[in-house]
Amino acid sequence: MLDSLMPMARLCLLVFVVSALFSTGSTLTVRQIVEPLRNVRLVLVSLAVSFLAVPLIAFAITRIHPLEQPLQVGLILLSMTAGSEALPKISGIVKGNTGYAVALMSMQIIVSLVYVPLVISMLLPQVRINHVKLVMKLVLFVLLPLIGGLLLKARSESTAEMMEHALHKISMVSLLLVFALLVAIKFEVILNILHLEVVLTVIVYLALAFAAGFLLGGPKPDTRMTLAVGSILRSGGIALVVGSQAFSDPKVIIMIVLVLILILPVLPAMIWMSRRFGLR
């Protein structure tokens, strides 16, 4: 009976993605996105860390310490989808470079739309994906809402601000509903995969991703911290869209959700350690 709630969970997921991306776009301007990108070296390093180092870390971990295939797919898929909507806010809280955070997030989201369909078959050769359908879904649910928010911001800043507040609330409520429905529908599945081995694997991946961004983020402490945070944060929206549209096994989605939840305690711990040992 609970399986009949799955269409509602998918609907809530799409509401979350569309509202979150439209809300993100409505807070940005083209100038904010483009201006910090004049530092070519930082742009190239940011792309290398986001789309080479972090996915390769996930790939290597799943080879050194293999997990069940759907869990491997979920971890690698999330590692590929850079561009968290929360990056600018969190970067400001931890005294990172907020301007760079906005540019990094925007660049990561846009590159992810091209990168994921192109590279997913290379990192996950065991799965078969309809790439045309996947690209269409990403354009429809990710790119168009982001562009829509940007256009609204350009036309009417006051309307964009009002919409941003409303859409942010909608996205948070819909995300909580997704979590609640998944727990209700797949409670036994979650219990089966939620054990120490999986949790430790995820924590090691998150720690290495943070370290990669921090060590390669350049000489300035604020950009190092921003890239470190941007490396550990991933676009849950894009990952969940791809996971729900391209894979039938619910464990893929559950693994993505598990990693997103584990980021909450791991990220503050990584930031504290970087400061505690004088790395900042």
C-alpha atoms as a PDB file:
ATOM      1  CA  MET A   1       0.000   0.000   0.000  1.00  0.00           C
ATOM      2  CA  LEU A   2       2.803   2.390   0.867  1.00  0.00           C
ATOM      3  CA  ASP A   3       4.288   1.879  -2.615  1.00  0.00           C
ATOM      4  CA  SER A   4       1.288   3.777  -3.965  1.00  0.00           C
ATOM      5  CA  LEU A   5       2.844   6.890  -2.390  1.00  0.00           C
ATOM      6  CA  MET A   6       5.856   6.709  -4.719  1.00  0.00           C
ATOM      7  CA  PRO A   7       4.259   8.917  -7.448  1.00  0.00           C
ATOM      8  CA  MET A   8       3.665  11.556  -4.764  1.00  0.00           C
ATOM      9  CA  ALA A   9       7.324  11.303  -3.700  1.00  0.00           C
ATOM     10  CA  ARG A  10       8.432  11.803  -7.324  1.00  0.00           C
ATOM     11  CA  LEU A  11       6.113  14.792  -7.689  1.00  0.00           C
ATOM     12  CA  CYS A  12       7.486  16.361  -4.488  1.00  0.00           C
ATOM     13  CA  LEU A  13      11.001  15.738  -5.810  1.00  0.00           C
ATOM     14  CA  LEU A  14      10.291  17.605  -9.048  1.00  0.00           C
ATOM     15  CA  VAL A  15       8.627  20.449  -7.114  1.00  0.00           C
ATOM     16  CA  PHE A  16      11.750  20.702  -4.955  1.00  0.00           C
ATOM     17  CA  VAL A  17      14.135  20.787  -7.925  1.00  0.00           C
ATOM     18  CA  VAL A  18      12.153  23.321  -9.978  1.00  0.00           C
ATOM     19  CA  SER A  19      11.422  25.639  -7.040  1.00  0.00           C
ATOM     20  CA  ALA A  20      15.008  25.454  -5.712  1.00  0.00           C
ATOM     21  CA  LEU A  21      16.575  26.233  -9.097  1.00  0.00           C
ATOM     22  CA  PHE A  22      14.107  29.020  -9.918  1.00  0.00           C
ATOM     23  CA  SER A  23      14.714  30.479  -6.447  1.00  0.00           C
ATOM     24  CA  THR A  24      18.483  30.305  -7.005  1.00  0.00           C
ATOM     25  CA  GLY A  25      18.221  32.018 -10.395  1.00  0.00           C
ATOM     26  CA  SER A  26      16.056  34.785  -8.955  1.00  0.00           C
ATOM     27  CA  THR A  27      18.878  35.800  -6.570  1.00  0.00           C
ATOM     28  CA  LEU A  28      21.537  36.109  -9.306  1.00  0.00           C
ATOM     29  CA  THR A  29      22.555  38.540 -12.011  1.00  0.00           C
ATOM     30  CA  VAL A  30      24.710  37.832 -15.045  1.00  0.00           C
ATOM     31  CA  ARG A  31      27.334  40.240 -13.693  1.00  0.00           C
ATOM     32  CA  GLN A  32      27.527  38.333 -10.394  1.00  0.00           C
ATOM     33  CA  ILE A  33      28.134  35.131 -12.305  1.00  0.00           C
ATOM     34  CA  VAL A  34      30.690  36.453 -14.793  1.00  0.00           C
ATOM     35  CA  GLU A  35      32.797  38.949 -12.815  1.00  0.00           C
ATOM     36  CA  PRO A  36      34.682  36.541 -10.489  1.00  0.00           C
ATOM     37  CA  LEU A  37      35.452  34.275 -13.464  1.00  0.00           C
ATOM     38  CA  ARG A  38      38.157  36.606 -14.795  1.00  0.00           C
ATOM     39  CA  ASN A  39      40.724  34.677 -12.791  1.00  0.00           C
ATOM     40  CA  VAL A  40      41.356  31.989 -15.410  1.00  0.00           C
ATOM     41  CA  ARG A  41      43.618  29.908 -13.191  1.00  0.00           C
ATOM     42  CA  LEU A  42      41.024  29.753 -10.417  1.00  0.00           C
ATOM     43  CA  VAL A  43      38.311  28.823 -12.910  1.00  0.00           C
ATOM     44  CA  LEU A  44      40.388  25.949 -14.322  1.00  0.00           C
ATOM     45  CA  VAL A  45      41.308  24.677 -10.847  1.00  0.00           C
ATOM     46  CA  SER A  46      37.681  24.916  -9.747  1.00  0.00           C
ATOM     47  CA  LEU A  47      36.528  22.887 -12.747  1.00  0.00           C
ATOM     48  CA  ALA A  48      39.279  20.304 -12.227  1.00  0.00           C
ATOM     49  CA  VAL A  49      38.411  19.816  -8.558  1.00  0.00           C
ATOM     50  CA  SER A  50      34.637  19.808  -9.129  1.00  0.00           C
ATOM     51  CA  PHE A  51      34.493  17.512 -12.139  1.00  0.00           C
ATOM     52  CA  LEU A  52      37.707  15.466 -12.022  1.00  0.00           C
ATOM     53  CA  ALA A  53      39.041  15.188  -8.478  1.00  0.00           C
ATOM     54  CA  VAL A  54      35.780  14.703  -6.562  1.00  0.00           C
ATOM     55  CA  PRO A  55      34.204  12.126  -8.956  1.00  0.00           C
ATOM     56  CA  LEU A  56      37.511  10.238  -9.131  1.00  0.00           C
ATOM     57  CA  ILE A  57      37.644  10.154  -5.323  1.00  0.00           C
ATOM     58  CA  ALA A  58      34.171   8.577  -5.245  1.00  0.00           C
ATOM     59  CA  PHE A  59      35.099   6.171  -8.038  1.00  0.00           C
ATOM     60  CA  ALA A  60      38.341   5.115  -6.329  1.00  0.00           C
ATOM     61  CA  ILE A  61      36.659   4.584  -2.958  1.00  0.00           C
ATOM     62  CA  THR A  62      34.009   2.322  -4.484  1.00  0.00           C
ATOM     63  CA  ARG A  63      36.769   0.276  -6.129  1.00  0.00           C
ATOM     64  CA  ILE A  64      38.974   0.019  -3.039  1.00  0.00           C
ATOM     65  CA  HIS A  65      36.018  -0.734  -0.796  1.00  0.00           C
ATOM     66  CA  PRO A  66      33.153  -1.984  -3.003  1.00  0.00           C
ATOM     67  CA  LEU A  67      29.581  -1.314  -1.943  1.00  0.00           C
ATOM     68  CA  GLU A  68      26.379  -2.826  -3.270  1.00  0.00           C
ATOM     69  CA  GLN A  69      26.007  -1.668  -6.898  1.00  0.00           C
ATOM     70  CA  PRO A  70      23.044   0.720  -6.398  1.00  0.00           C
ATOM     71  CA  LEU A  71      24.899   2.363  -3.509  1.00  0.00           C
ATOM     72  CA  GLN A  72      28.014   2.782  -5.657  1.00  0.00           C
ATOM     73  CA  VAL A  73      25.853   4.315  -8.392  1.00  0.00           C
ATOM     74  CA  GLY A  74      24.261   6.745  -5.940  1.00  0.00           C
ATOM     75  CA  LEU A  75      27.589   7.902  -4.487  1.00  0.00           C
ATOM     76  CA  ILE A  76      29.318   8.325  -7.860  1.00  0.00           C
ATOM     77  CA  LEU A  77      26.286  10.045  -9.374  1.00  0.00           C
ATOM     78  CA  LEU A  78      26.110  12.583  -6.553  1.00  0.00           C
ATOM     79  CA  SER A  79      29.867  13.218  -6.790  1.00  0.00           C
ATOM     80  CA  MET A  80      29.388  14.177 -10.459  1.00  0.00           C
ATOM     81  CA  THR A  81      26.628  16.727  -9.857  1.00  0.00           C
ATOM     82  CA  ALA A  82      28.435  19.806  -8.593  1.00  0.00           C
ATOM     83  CA  GLY A  83      26.571  23.017  -7.871  1.00  0.00           C
ATOM     84  CA  SER A  84      24.733  23.229  -4.555  1.00  0.00           C
ATOM     85  CA  GLU A  85      22.184  26.017  -4.184  1.00  0.00           C
ATOM     86  CA  ALA A  86      23.339  26.409  -0.562  1.00  0.00           C
ATOM     87  CA  LEU A  87      26.979  27.227  -1.417  1.00  0.00           C
ATOM     88  CA  PRO A  88      26.822  31.062  -1.347  1.00  0.00           C
ATOM     89  CA  LYS A  89      25.011  31.132   2.008  1.00  0.00           C
ATOM     90  CA  ILE A  90      27.286  28.594   3.657  1.00  0.00           C
ATOM     91  CA  SER A  91      30.366  30.272   2.178  1.00  0.00           C
ATOM     92  CA  GLY A  92      29.289  33.544   3.795  1.00  0.00           C
ATOM     93  CA  ILE A  93      28.781  31.846   7.156  1.00  0.00           C
ATOM     94  CA  VAL A  94      32.281  30.313   7.140  1.00  0.00           C
ATOM     95  CA  LYS A  95      33.905  33.569   5.920  1.00  0.00           C
ATOM     96  CA  GLY A  96      34.612  32.336   2.422  1.00  0.00           C
ATOM     97  CA  ASN A  97      34.585  34.452  -0.722  1.00  0.00           C
ATOM     98  CA  THR A  98      30.871  35.006  -1.382  1.00  0.00           C
ATOM     99  CA  GLY A  99      31.353  36.492  -4.860  1.00  0.00           C
ATOM    100  CA  TYR A 100      33.442  33.515  -5.900  1.00  0.00           C
ATOM    101  CA  ALA A 101      30.883  31.192  -4.279  1.00  0.00           C
ATOM    102  CA  VAL A 102      28.097  32.617  -6.469  1.00  0.00           C
ATOM    103  CA  ALA A 103      30.231  32.248  -9.599  1.00  0.00           C
ATOM    104  CA  LEU A 104      31.397  28.761  -8.600  1.00  0.00           C
ATOM    105  CA  MET A 105      27.843  27.546  -7.918  1.00  0.00           C
ATOM    106  CA  SER A 106      26.545  28.951 -11.221  1.00  0.00           C
ATOM    107  CA  MET A 107      29.449  27.506 -13.190  1.00  0.00           C
ATOM    108  CA  GLN A 108      29.087  24.112 -11.503  1.00  0.00           C
ATOM    109  CA  ILE A 109      25.348  23.875 -12.213  1.00  0.00           C
ATOM    110  CA  ILE A 110      25.735  24.817 -15.883  1.00  0.00           C
ATOM    111  CA  VAL A 111      28.702  22.482 -16.463  1.00  0.00           C
ATOM    112  CA  SER A 112      26.912  19.644 -14.627  1.00  0.00           C
ATOM    113  CA  LEU A 113      24.079  19.776 -17.174  1.00  0.00           C
ATOM    114  CA  VAL A 114      26.552  18.905 -19.940  1.00  0.00           C
ATOM    115  CA  TYR A 115      29.043  16.885 -17.934  1.00  0.00           C
ATOM    116  CA  VAL A 116      26.698  14.343 -16.330  1.00  0.00           C
ATOM    117  CA  PRO A 117      25.112  13.012 -19.566  1.00  0.00           C
ATOM    118  CA  LEU A 118      28.533  12.871 -21.259  1.00  0.00           C
ATOM    119  CA  VAL A 119      30.519  11.201 -18.482  1.00  0.00           C
ATOM    120  CA  ILE A 120      27.991   9.052 -16.633  1.00  0.00           C
ATOM    121  CA  SER A 121      28.514   6.053 -18.940  1.00  0.00           C
ATOM    122  CA  MET A 122      32.294   6.287 -18.423  1.00  0.00           C
ATOM    123  CA  LEU A 123      32.163   6.264 -14.619  1.00  0.00           C
ATOM    124  CA  LEU A 124      29.171   3.906 -14.499  1.00  0.00           C
ATOM    125  CA  PRO A 125      29.671   1.552 -17.471  1.00  0.00           C
ATOM    126  CA  GLN A 126      27.427  -1.084 -15.906  1.00  0.00           C
ATOM    127  CA  VAL A 127      24.267   1.007 -16.353  1.00  0.00           C
ATOM    128  CA  ARG A 128      22.362   1.743 -19.554  1.00  0.00           C
ATOM    129  CA  ILE A 129      20.874   5.228 -19.896  1.00  0.00           C
ATOM    130  CA  ASN A 130      18.763   6.982 -22.511  1.00  0.00           C
ATOM    131  CA  HIS A 131      21.001  10.033 -22.888  1.00  0.00           C
ATOM    132  CA  VAL A 132      18.558  12.032 -25.025  1.00  0.00           C
ATOM    133  CA  LYS A 133      15.795  11.587 -22.461  1.00  0.00           C
ATOM    134  CA  LEU A 134      18.192  12.445 -19.639  1.00  0.00           C
ATOM    135  CA  VAL A 135      19.306  15.679 -21.325  1.00  0.00           C
ATOM    136  CA  MET A 136      15.685  16.675 -21.948  1.00  0.00           C
ATOM    137  CA  LYS A 137      14.815  16.110 -18.284  1.00  0.00           C
ATOM    138  CA  LEU A 138      17.796  18.176 -17.108  1.00  0.00           C
ATOM    139  CA  VAL A 139      16.927  21.027 -19.465  1.00  0.00           C
ATOM    140  CA  LEU A 140      13.273  20.971 -18.430  1.00  0.00           C
ATOM    141  CA  PHE A 141      13.694  20.651 -14.666  1.00  0.00           C
ATOM    142  CA  VAL A 142      17.062  22.354 -14.067  1.00  0.00           C
ATOM    143  CA  LEU A 143      18.161  24.725 -16.840  1.00  0.00           C
ATOM    144  CA  LEU A 144      14.810  26.342 -17.649  1.00  0.00           C
ATOM    145  CA  PRO A 145      13.918  27.131 -13.997  1.00  0.00           C
ATOM    146  CA  LEU A 146      17.394  28.612 -13.479  1.00  0.00           C
ATOM    147  CA  ILE A 147      17.088  30.790 -16.591  1.00  0.00           C
ATOM    148  CA  GLY A 148      13.545  31.729 -15.598  1.00  0.00           C
ATOM    149  CA  GLY A 149      14.785  33.010 -12.256  1.00  0.00           C
ATOM    150  CA  LEU A 150      17.581  34.998 -13.916  1.00  0.00           C
ATOM    151  CA  LEU A 151      15.127  36.604 -16.351  1.00  0.00           C
ATOM    152  CA  LEU A 152      12.717  37.502 -13.554  1.00  0.00           C
ATOM    153  CA  LYS A 153      15.567  39.087 -11.575  1.00  0.00           C
ATOM    154  CA  ALA A 154      16.569  41.131 -14.638  1.00  0.00           C
ATOM    155  CA  ARG A 155      13.000  42.340 -15.276  1.00  0.00           C
ATOM    156  CA  SER A 156      11.782  43.034 -11.747  1.00  0.00           C
ATOM    157  CA  GLU A 157      14.070  42.799  -8.743  1.00  0.00           C
ATOM    158  CA  SER A 158      11.244  43.330  -6.221  1.00  0.00           C
ATOM    159  CA  THR A 159       9.126  40.551  -7.753  1.00  0.00           C
ATOM    160  CA  ALA A 160      12.157  38.258  -7.862  1.00  0.00           C
ATOM    161  CA  GLU A 161      12.838  38.887  -4.180  1.00  0.00           C
ATOM    162  CA  MET A 162       9.226  38.127  -3.263  1.00  0.00           C
ATOM    163  CA  MET A 163       9.207  34.988  -5.395  1.00  0.00           C
ATOM    164  CA  GLU A 164      12.544  33.850  -3.956  1.00  0.00           C
ATOM    165  CA  HIS A 165      11.205  33.822  -0.399  1.00  0.00           C
ATOM    166  CA  ALA A 166       8.058  31.911  -1.409  1.00  0.00           C
ATOM    167  CA  LEU A 167       9.918  29.403  -3.588  1.00  0.00           C
ATOM    168  CA  HIS A 168      12.549  28.804  -0.921  1.00  0.00           C
ATOM    169  CA  LYS A 169       9.802  27.779   1.518  1.00  0.00           C
ATOM    170  CA  ILE A 170       8.167  25.571  -1.121  1.00  0.00           C
ATOM    171  CA  SER A 171      11.475  23.872  -1.918  1.00  0.00           C
ATOM    172  CA  MET A 172      12.228  23.176   1.764  1.00  0.00           C
ATOM    173  CA  VAL A 173       8.750  21.777   2.447  1.00  0.00           C
ATOM    174  CA  SER A 174       8.819  19.606  -0.669  1.00  0.00           C
ATOM    175  CA  LEU A 175      12.302  18.296   0.215  1.00  0.00           C
ATOM    176  CA  LEU A 176      11.126  17.357   3.719  1.00  0.00           C
ATOM    177  CA  LEU A 177       8.138  15.592   2.158  1.00  0.00           C
ATOM    178  CA  VAL A 178      10.479  13.653  -0.145  1.00  0.00           C
ATOM    179  CA  PHE A 179      12.528  12.514   2.850  1.00  0.00           C
ATOM    180  CA  ALA A 180       9.420  11.594   4.862  1.00  0.00           C
ATOM    181  CA  LEU A 181       7.783   9.695   2.006  1.00  0.00           C
ATOM    182  CA  LEU A 182      10.963   7.785   1.182  1.00  0.00           C
ATOM    183  CA  VAL A 183      11.352   6.751   4.814  1.00  0.00           C
ATOM    184  CA  ALA A 184       7.721   5.638   4.963  1.00  0.00           C
ATOM    185  CA  ILE A 185       7.829   3.746   1.669  1.00  0.00           C
ATOM    186  CA  LYS A 186      11.303   2.223   1.874  1.00  0.00           C
ATOM    187  CA  PHE A 187      11.896   1.956   5.608  1.00  0.00           C
ATOM    188  CA  GLU A 188      13.147  -1.642   5.469  1.00  0.00           C
ATOM    189  CA  VAL A 189      15.433  -0.855   2.529  1.00  0.00           C
ATOM    190  CA  ILE A 190      16.909   2.088   4.429  1.00  0.00           C
ATOM    191  CA  LEU A 191      17.562  -0.091   7.485  1.00  0.00           C
ATOM    192  CA  ASN A 192      19.303  -2.657   5.294  1.00  0.00           C
ATOM    193  CA  ILE A 193      21.788  -0.158   3.839  1.00  0.00           C
ATOM    194  CA  LEU A 194      22.221   2.096   6.871  1.00  0.00           C
ATOM    195  CA  HIS A 195      25.108   0.337   8.557  1.00  0.00           C
ATOM    196  CA  LEU A 196      28.567   1.354   9.740  1.00  0.00           C
ATOM    197  CA  GLU A 197      30.390   0.226   6.600  1.00  0.00           C
ATOM    198  CA  VAL A 198      28.332   2.457   4.310  1.00  0.00           C
ATOM    199  CA  VAL A 199      28.429   5.441   6.681  1.00  0.00           C
ATOM    200  CA  LEU A 200      32.225   5.252   7.074  1.00  0.00           C
ATOM    201  CA  THR A 201      32.681   5.002   3.291  1.00  0.00           C
ATOM    202  CA  VAL A 202      30.604   8.155   2.809  1.00  0.00           C
ATOM    203  CA  ILE A 203      32.495  10.026   5.545  1.00  0.00           C
ATOM    204  CA  VAL A 204      35.866   9.137   3.968  1.00  0.00           C
ATOM    205  CA  TYR A 205      34.600  10.345   0.579  1.00  0.00           C
ATOM    206  CA  LEU A 206      33.357  13.645   2.059  1.00  0.00           C
ATOM    207  CA  ALA A 207      36.614  14.220   3.956  1.00  0.00           C
ATOM    208  CA  LEU A 208      38.748  13.638   0.847  1.00  0.00           C
ATOM    209  CA  ALA A 209      36.481  15.860  -1.275  1.00  0.00           C
ATOM    210  CA  PHE A 210      36.819  18.686   1.265  1.00  0.00           C
ATOM    211  CA  ALA A 211      40.592  18.237   1.405  1.00  0.00           C
ATOM    212  CA  ALA A 212      40.893  18.332  -2.390  1.00  0.00           C
ATOM    213  CA  GLY A 213      39.066  21.642  -2.607  1.00  0.00           C
ATOM    214  CA  PHE A 214      40.920  23.134   0.340  1.00  0.00           C
ATOM    215  CA  LEU A 215      44.405  22.157  -0.819  1.00  0.00           C
ATOM    216  CA  LEU A 216      43.879  23.202  -4.444  1.00  0.00           C
ATOM    217  CA  GLY A 217      41.883  26.383  -3.849  1.00  0.00           C
ATOM    218  CA  GLY A 218      44.812  28.761  -4.279  1.00  0.00           C
ATOM    219  CA  PRO A 219      46.782  30.954  -1.873  1.00  0.00           C
ATOM    220  CA  LYS A 220      43.850  32.975  -0.480  1.00  0.00           C
ATOM    221  CA  PRO A 221      42.143  31.475   2.592  1.00  0.00           C
ATOM    222  CA  ASP A 222      38.661  32.639   1.573  1.00  0.00           C
ATOM    223  CA  THR A 223      38.787  30.995  -1.874  1.00  0.00           C
ATOM    224  CA  ARG A 224      40.326  27.825  -0.393  1.00  0.00           C
ATOM    225  CA  MET A 225      37.451  27.539   2.065  1.00  0.00           C
ATOM    226  CA  THR A 226      34.845  28.280  -0.618  1.00  0.00           C
ATOM    227  CA  LEU A 227      36.193  25.621  -2.987  1.00  0.00           C
ATOM    228  CA  ALA A 228      36.442  23.132  -0.115  1.00  0.00           C
ATOM    229  CA  VAL A 229      32.799  23.738   0.794  1.00  0.00           C
ATOM    230  CA  GLY A 230      31.835  23.653  -2.884  1.00  0.00           C
ATOM    231  CA  SER A 231      33.585  20.301  -3.234  1.00  0.00           C
ATOM    232  CA  ILE A 232      31.778  18.625  -0.372  1.00  0.00           C
ATOM    233  CA  LEU A 233      28.389  20.118  -1.278  1.00  0.00           C
ATOM    234  CA  ARG A 234      26.782  18.624  -4.377  1.00  0.00           C
ATOM    235  CA  SER A 235      23.621  19.455  -6.299  1.00  0.00           C
ATOM    236  CA  GLY A 236      21.060  17.199  -4.685  1.00  0.00           C
ATOM    237  CA  GLY A 237      18.488  18.499  -7.146  1.00  0.00           C
ATOM    238  CA  ILE A 238      20.361  17.399 -10.267  1.00  0.00           C
ATOM    239  CA  ALA A 239      21.452  14.100  -8.707  1.00  0.00           C
ATOM    240  CA  LEU A 240      17.900  13.267  -7.639  1.00  0.00           C
ATOM    241  CA  VAL A 241      16.491  14.137 -11.053  1.00  0.00           C
ATOM    242  CA  VAL A 242      19.024  11.885 -12.793  1.00  0.00           C
ATOM    243  CA  GLY A 243      18.667   9.153 -10.182  1.00  0.00           C
ATOM    244  CA  SER A 244      14.871   9.095 -10.314  1.00  0.00           C
ATOM    245  CA  GLN A 245      14.661   9.276 -14.117  1.00  0.00           C
ATOM    246  CA  ALA A 246      17.532   6.970 -15.097  1.00  0.00           C
ATOM    247  CA  PHE A 247      17.525   4.248 -12.398  1.00  0.00           C
ATOM    248  CA  SER A 248      14.693   2.044 -11.214  1.00  0.00           C
ATOM    249  CA  ASP A 249      16.365   0.753  -8.036  1.00  0.00           C
ATOM    250  CA  PRO A 250      15.225   2.925  -5.064  1.00  0.00           C
ATOM    251  CA  LYS A 251      18.555   2.326  -3.314  1.00  0.00           C
ATOM    252  CA  VAL A 252      20.196   4.802  -5.725  1.00  0.00           C
ATOM    253  CA  ILE A 253      17.942   7.616  -4.484  1.00  0.00           C
ATOM    254  CA  ILE A 254      18.259   6.488  -0.872  1.00  0.00           C
ATOM    255  CA  MET A 255      22.072   6.567  -1.117  1.00  0.00           C
ATOM    256  CA  ILE A 256      21.968  10.099  -2.536  1.00  0.00           C
ATOM    257  CA  VAL A 257      19.708  11.201   0.316  1.00  0.00           C
ATOM    258  CA  LEU A 258      21.951   9.472   2.873  1.00  0.00           C
ATOM    259  CA  VAL A 259      25.049  11.325   1.623  1.00  0.00           C
ATOM    260  CA  LEU A 260      23.186  14.658   1.655  1.00  0.00           C
ATOM    261  CA  ILE A 261      22.154  14.011   5.267  1.00  0.00           C
ATOM    262  CA  LEU A 262      25.680  13.009   6.346  1.00  0.00           C
ATOM    263  CA  ILE A 263      27.051  16.253   4.902  1.00  0.00           C
ATOM    264  CA  LEU A 264      25.255  18.144   7.708  1.00  0.00           C
ATOM    265  CA  PRO A 265      27.531  16.895  10.532  1.00  0.00           C
ATOM    266  CA  VAL A 266      30.651  16.225   8.424  1.00  0.00           C
ATOM    267  CA  LEU A 267      30.973  19.696   6.862  1.00  0.00           C
ATOM    268  CA  PRO A 268      31.151  21.617  10.183  1.00  0.00           C
ATOM    269  CA  ALA A 269      33.654  19.046  11.456  1.00  0.00           C
ATOM    270  CA  MET A 270      35.880  19.533   8.403  1.00  0.00           C
ATOM    271  CA  ILE A 271      35.723  23.339   8.744  1.00  0.00           C
ATOM    272  CA  TRP A 272      36.567  23.123  12.456  1.00  0.00           C
ATOM    273  CA  MET A 273      39.531  20.847  11.774  1.00  0.00           C
ATOM    274  CA  SER A 274      40.908  23.147   9.065  1.00  0.00           C
ATOM    275  CA  ARG A 275      40.878  26.014  11.541  1.00  0.00           C
ATOM    276  CA  ARG A 276      41.979  24.000  14.554  1.00  0.00           C
ATOM    277  CA  PHE A 277      45.182  22.878  12.883  1.00  0.00           C
ATOM    278  CA  GLY A 278      45.975  26.298  11.489  1.00  0.00           C
ATOM    279  CA  LEU A 279      45.256  25.481   7.851  1.00  0.00           C
ATOM    280  CA  ARG A 280      43.061  28.519   7.296  1.00  0.00           C
END
